[in-house]
């Protein structure tokens, strides 16, 4: 119960994702995990804090904090990554007044400052958290099912595991909104938006087709996803709860 001298205008949700393999010799083997907290403010701003781990050598440990406006345009972000249990880099990002800027320190490049101009609304930002992939889908027009939609997105790394940088880089995903479906995952049964990434230009390696399902409640919570091709990875929301 919120007493009259308390104020709580935000909603907080917490989730846990399981990363597994779909390769025949590793079928359903756990290969990583992610815990995240999302806060939605009354004006529609959302903040995501994600801690992700990939066990495949060289292992990746990633911390991502991203805040976006109600229209999903990014406000600021922080990314810190370790690879093989050694520091790889950390960076702070800000998006405002037609400029995306970041201040980073990496093990390979040292200290860097970047300023990248953009026009209009800032494109979304991808920090390589899997829950962040759900937010990427929020940019799509749901009135165009089956129609490929492409847009430029700023990302922290062009490596598909997010294991380089962090810096400001660009990628262009092409995504199709397929339809709404009822699905069951470890966290429960949901009506879900089904999206398919049919390509992502700008990455170091070609990204195979990637099917993603998110909630339809406006928060675009990542429910499950599967990458085909040479990756053969699977991601599933196994826990979801309200509040801290």
Protein backbone atom coordinates (compact mmCIF):
# COMPACT_ATOMS: atom_id res chain seq x y z
CA UNK A 1 0.00 0.00 0.00
CA UNK A 2 1.34 3.45 -0.96
CA UNK A 3 0.76 5.90 1.89
CA UNK A 4 -0.05 9.53 1.20
CA UNK A 5 3.48 10.61 2.16
CA UNK A 6 5.06 8.10 -0.25
CA UNK A 7 5.52 8.52 -4.00
CA UNK A 8 5.93 5.69 -6.48
CA UNK A 9 5.14 6.72 -10.04
CA UNK A 10 7.15 4.00 -11.75
CA UNK A 11 6.61 0.29 -12.41
CA UNK A 12 9.46 -2.18 -12.06
CA UNK A 13 9.65 -5.63 -13.65
CA UNK A 14 12.39 -8.23 -13.31
CA UNK A 15 13.18 -11.20 -15.53
CA UNK A 16 15.63 -14.04 -16.08
CA UNK A 17 16.58 -15.46 -19.47
CA UNK A 18 18.24 -18.79 -20.16
CA UNK A 19 20.63 -19.21 -23.12
CA UNK A 20 20.84 -22.72 -24.60
CA UNK A 21 22.26 -24.40 -27.71
CA UNK A 22 20.29 -26.11 -30.46
CA UNK A 23 23.33 -27.73 -32.08
CA UNK A 24 22.84 -31.52 -32.32
CA UNK A 25 25.90 -32.28 -30.18
CA UNK A 26 24.86 -29.75 -27.52
CA UNK A 27 21.08 -29.91 -27.74
CA UNK A 28 19.44 -27.87 -24.94
CA UNK A 29 22.78 -27.45 -23.14
CA UNK A 30 22.88 -24.28 -21.03
CA UNK A 31 25.42 -21.85 -22.46
CA UNK A 32 24.58 -18.61 -20.68
CA UNK A 33 22.01 -16.56 -18.81
CA UNK A 34 20.77 -13.01 -18.26
CA UNK A 35 18.99 -11.23 -15.44
CA UNK A 36 17.43 -7.85 -16.05
CA UNK A 37 15.39 -5.13 -14.38
CA UNK A 38 13.14 -2.75 -16.33
CA UNK A 39 11.65 0.43 -14.87
CA UNK A 40 8.81 2.24 -16.68
CA UNK A 41 8.06 5.82 -15.61
CA UNK A 42 4.67 7.50 -15.85
CA UNK A 43 5.80 9.58 -18.86
CA UNK A 44 6.74 6.41 -20.76
CA UNK A 45 10.51 6.53 -20.22
CA UNK A 46 12.01 3.08 -19.63
CA UNK A 47 15.31 2.01 -18.13
CA UNK A 48 16.85 -1.43 -18.61
CA UNK A 49 19.61 -2.87 -16.44
CA UNK A 50 20.96 -6.19 -17.73
CA UNK A 51 23.65 -8.58 -16.52
CA UNK A 52 24.43 -11.23 -19.14
CA UNK A 53 26.84 -14.16 -19.19
CA UNK A 54 27.95 -16.31 -22.14
CA UNK A 55 29.90 -19.41 -21.10
CA UNK A 56 31.20 -20.41 -24.56
CA UNK A 57 34.96 -19.74 -24.77
CA UNK A 58 36.09 -17.06 -24.69
CA UNK A 59 33.39 -16.28 -22.12
CA UNK A 60 31.61 -12.91 -22.20
CA UNK A 61 30.39 -11.02 -19.13
CA UNK A 62 28.33 -7.96 -20.00
CA UNK A 63 26.62 -5.20 -18.02
CA UNK A 64 24.23 -2.94 -19.96
CA UNK A 65 22.20 0.00 -18.66
CA UNK A 66 20.00 1.77 -21.22
CA UNK A 67 17.32 4.46 -20.82
CA UNK A 68 14.90 5.35 -23.62
CA UNK A 69 12.09 7.85 -24.13
CA UNK A 70 8.46 6.84 -24.58
CA UNK A 71 9.10 6.70 -28.36
CA UNK A 72 12.02 4.28 -27.72
CA UNK A 73 14.67 6.82 -28.75
CA UNK A 74 17.69 6.38 -26.46
CA UNK A 75 18.65 8.93 -23.81
CA UNK A 76 21.81 7.47 -22.31
CA UNK A 77 23.53 4.13 -21.77
CA UNK A 78 26.44 2.38 -20.10
CA UNK A 79 28.15 -0.83 -21.29
CA UNK A 80 30.92 -2.80 -19.60
CA UNK A 81 32.30 -6.07 -20.97
CA UNK A 82 34.82 -8.71 -19.97
CA UNK A 83 36.04 -11.41 -22.37
CA UNK A 84 37.73 -14.55 -21.09
CA UNK A 85 37.27 -13.07 -17.59
CA UNK A 86 39.52 -10.13 -18.49
CA UNK A 87 38.44 -6.50 -18.85
CA UNK A 88 37.70 -5.60 -22.47
CA UNK A 89 36.10 -2.16 -22.20
CA UNK A 90 33.53 0.17 -20.68
CA UNK A 91 31.70 3.16 -22.09
CA UNK A 92 29.15 5.87 -21.32
CA UNK A 93 26.75 7.06 -24.03
CA UNK A 94 24.51 10.12 -24.43
CA UNK A 95 22.03 10.86 -27.23
CA UNK A 96 20.73 14.44 -27.58
CA UNK A 97 20.48 17.43 -29.93
CA UNK A 98 21.41 15.45 -33.03
CA UNK A 99 24.61 14.00 -31.56
CA UNK A 100 25.36 10.52 -30.24
CA UNK A 101 28.44 10.66 -28.07
CA UNK A 102 30.42 8.19 -25.99
CA UNK A 103 33.44 8.14 -23.74
CA UNK A 104 35.09 4.74 -23.57
CA UNK A 105 38.17 2.96 -22.31
CA UNK A 106 39.08 -0.36 -23.93
CA UNK A 107 41.92 -2.81 -23.46
CA UNK A 108 42.79 -2.66 -27.17
CA UNK A 109 42.19 0.99 -28.16
CA UNK A 110 42.71 2.83 -24.86
CA UNK A 111 40.74 6.00 -24.15
CA UNK A 112 38.38 7.16 -26.93
CA UNK A 113 35.83 9.95 -27.45
CA UNK A 114 33.27 9.72 -30.25
CA UNK A 115 30.62 12.12 -31.54
CA UNK A 116 28.31 10.82 -34.28
CA UNK A 117 25.63 13.13 -35.77
CA UNK A 118 22.13 11.97 -36.64
CA UNK A 119 19.03 13.64 -38.04
CA UNK A 120 15.50 13.49 -36.68
CA UNK A 121 14.72 11.08 -33.88
CA UNK A 122 17.78 9.18 -32.74
CA UNK A 123 17.69 5.57 -33.95
CA UNK A 124 17.54 2.92 -31.27
CA UNK A 125 20.62 1.77 -29.38
CA UNK A 126 21.65 -1.86 -29.03
CA UNK A 127 23.94 -2.89 -26.17
CA UNK A 128 23.70 -6.62 -27.03
CA UNK A 129 21.59 -7.60 -24.02
CA UNK A 130 19.03 -10.14 -25.24
CA UNK A 131 16.21 -8.20 -23.55
CA UNK A 132 17.45 -5.21 -25.57
CA UNK A 133 16.56 -7.22 -28.73
CA UNK A 134 12.92 -6.98 -27.68
CA UNK A 135 13.25 -3.20 -27.53
CA UNK A 136 14.74 -3.19 -31.05
CA UNK A 137 11.44 -4.65 -32.30
CA UNK A 138 9.49 -1.75 -30.78
CA UNK A 139 10.46 0.42 -33.76
CA UNK A 140 8.40 -1.69 -36.18
CA UNK A 141 5.05 -0.68 -37.63
CA UNK A 142 2.67 -3.46 -36.58
CA UNK A 143 0.17 -2.43 -39.27
CA UNK A 144 2.49 -3.97 -41.89
CA UNK A 145 2.63 -7.71 -41.14
CA UNK A 146 4.82 -9.71 -43.51
CA UNK A 147 6.53 -6.59 -44.89
CA UNK A 148 10.31 -6.25 -44.36
CA UNK A 149 11.18 -3.07 -42.44
CA UNK A 150 14.72 -1.72 -42.18
CA UNK A 151 16.28 1.12 -40.21
CA UNK A 152 19.72 2.19 -39.05
CA UNK A 153 20.48 1.44 -35.41
CA UNK A 154 23.40 2.50 -33.24
CA UNK A 155 25.13 -0.38 -31.46
CA UNK A 156 27.97 -0.83 -28.98
CA UNK A 157 29.75 -3.56 -30.96
CA UNK A 158 29.66 -5.10 -34.44
CA UNK A 159 30.52 -8.51 -32.97
CA UNK A 160 27.40 -10.67 -32.72
CA UNK A 161 28.21 -11.46 -29.05
CA UNK A 162 28.92 -7.81 -28.27
CA UNK A 163 32.47 -8.81 -27.28
CA UNK A 164 34.35 -5.87 -28.82
CA UNK A 165 34.56 -2.19 -27.93
CA UNK A 166 32.33 -0.74 -26.67
CA UNK A 167 32.17 2.05 -29.24
CA UNK A 168 29.49 3.75 -31.34
CA UNK A 169 28.88 1.63 -34.42
CA UNK A 170 25.97 1.24 -36.83
CA UNK A 171 23.97 -1.71 -38.07
CA UNK A 172 20.87 -1.99 -40.24
CA UNK A 173 18.49 -4.77 -39.22
CA UNK A 174 15.74 -5.88 -41.57
CA UNK A 175 12.83 -7.24 -39.55
CA UNK A 176 9.41 -8.66 -40.39
CA UNK A 177 6.47 -8.52 -38.03
CA UNK A 178 4.94 -11.97 -38.60
CA UNK A 179 1.79 -12.07 -36.43
CA UNK A 180 0.57 -12.37 -32.85
CA UNK A 181 0.67 -15.88 -31.36
CA UNK A 182 0.03 -17.58 -28.04
CA UNK A 183 3.22 -19.15 -26.71
CA UNK A 184 4.33 -20.86 -23.51
CA UNK A 185 7.76 -20.36 -21.97
CA UNK A 186 9.20 -21.06 -18.55
CA UNK A 187 7.79 -17.78 -17.23
CA UNK A 188 4.23 -18.61 -18.33
CA UNK A 189 1.79 -18.41 -21.25
CA UNK A 190 1.58 -15.15 -23.20
CA UNK A 191 0.04 -13.59 -26.28
CA UNK A 192 3.16 -12.53 -28.16
CA UNK A 193 4.30 -10.45 -31.11
CA UNK A 194 6.34 -12.68 -33.44
CA UNK A 195 9.17 -10.95 -35.32
CA UNK A 196 11.83 -12.30 -37.66
CA UNK A 197 15.19 -10.66 -38.25
CA UNK A 198 15.94 -11.67 -41.83
CA UNK A 199 19.28 -9.86 -41.97
CA UNK A 200 21.52 -7.39 -40.16
CA UNK A 201 23.94 -5.34 -42.26
CA UNK A 202 27.05 -3.89 -40.65
CA UNK A 203 28.11 -6.79 -38.40
CA UNK A 204 31.50 -8.50 -38.58
CA UNK A 205 29.82 -11.77 -39.61
CA UNK A 206 26.58 -12.52 -41.42
CA UNK A 207 23.73 -12.93 -38.94
CA UNK A 208 21.45 -15.91 -39.65
CA UNK A 209 17.64 -15.57 -39.46
CA UNK A 210 16.53 -14.79 -35.91
CA UNK A 211 12.96 -15.29 -34.69
CA UNK A 212 11.91 -13.27 -31.65
CA UNK A 213 8.72 -13.21 -29.58
CA UNK A 214 7.88 -10.29 -27.25
CA UNK A 215 5.01 -9.31 -24.98
CA UNK A 216 2.14 -7.29 -26.46
CA UNK A 217 1.70 -5.08 -23.38
CA UNK A 218 3.86 -2.24 -24.72
CA UNK A 219 7.03 -3.15 -22.81
CA UNK A 220 8.30 -5.50 -25.54
CA UNK A 221 9.63 -7.97 -23.01
CA UNK A 222 11.67 -10.67 -24.74
CA UNK A 223 9.89 -14.01 -24.28
CA UNK A 224 11.90 -16.32 -26.52
CA UNK A 225 14.14 -16.27 -29.55
CA UNK A 226 15.98 -18.67 -31.81
CA UNK A 227 18.89 -18.03 -34.16
CA UNK A 228 19.25 -20.49 -37.03
CA UNK A 229 22.18 -21.17 -39.33
CA UNK A 230 25.66 -21.65 -37.92
CA UNK A 231 24.70 -20.16 -34.52
CA UNK A 232 21.80 -22.46 -33.53
CA UNK A 233 21.16 -20.69 -30.23
CA UNK A 234 17.95 -20.36 -28.22
CA UNK A 235 16.85 -17.86 -25.56
CA UNK A 236 13.86 -18.22 -23.23
CA UNK A 237 12.34 -16.13 -20.45
CA UNK A 238 12.16 -18.50 -17.49
CA UNK A 239 11.14 -16.03 -14.77
CA UNK A 240 9.16 -12.77 -14.70
CA UNK A 241 7.92 -10.82 -11.70
CA UNK A 242 6.74 -7.37 -10.73
CA UNK A 243 8.69 -5.07 -8.42
CA UNK A 244 12.07 -5.30 -6.77
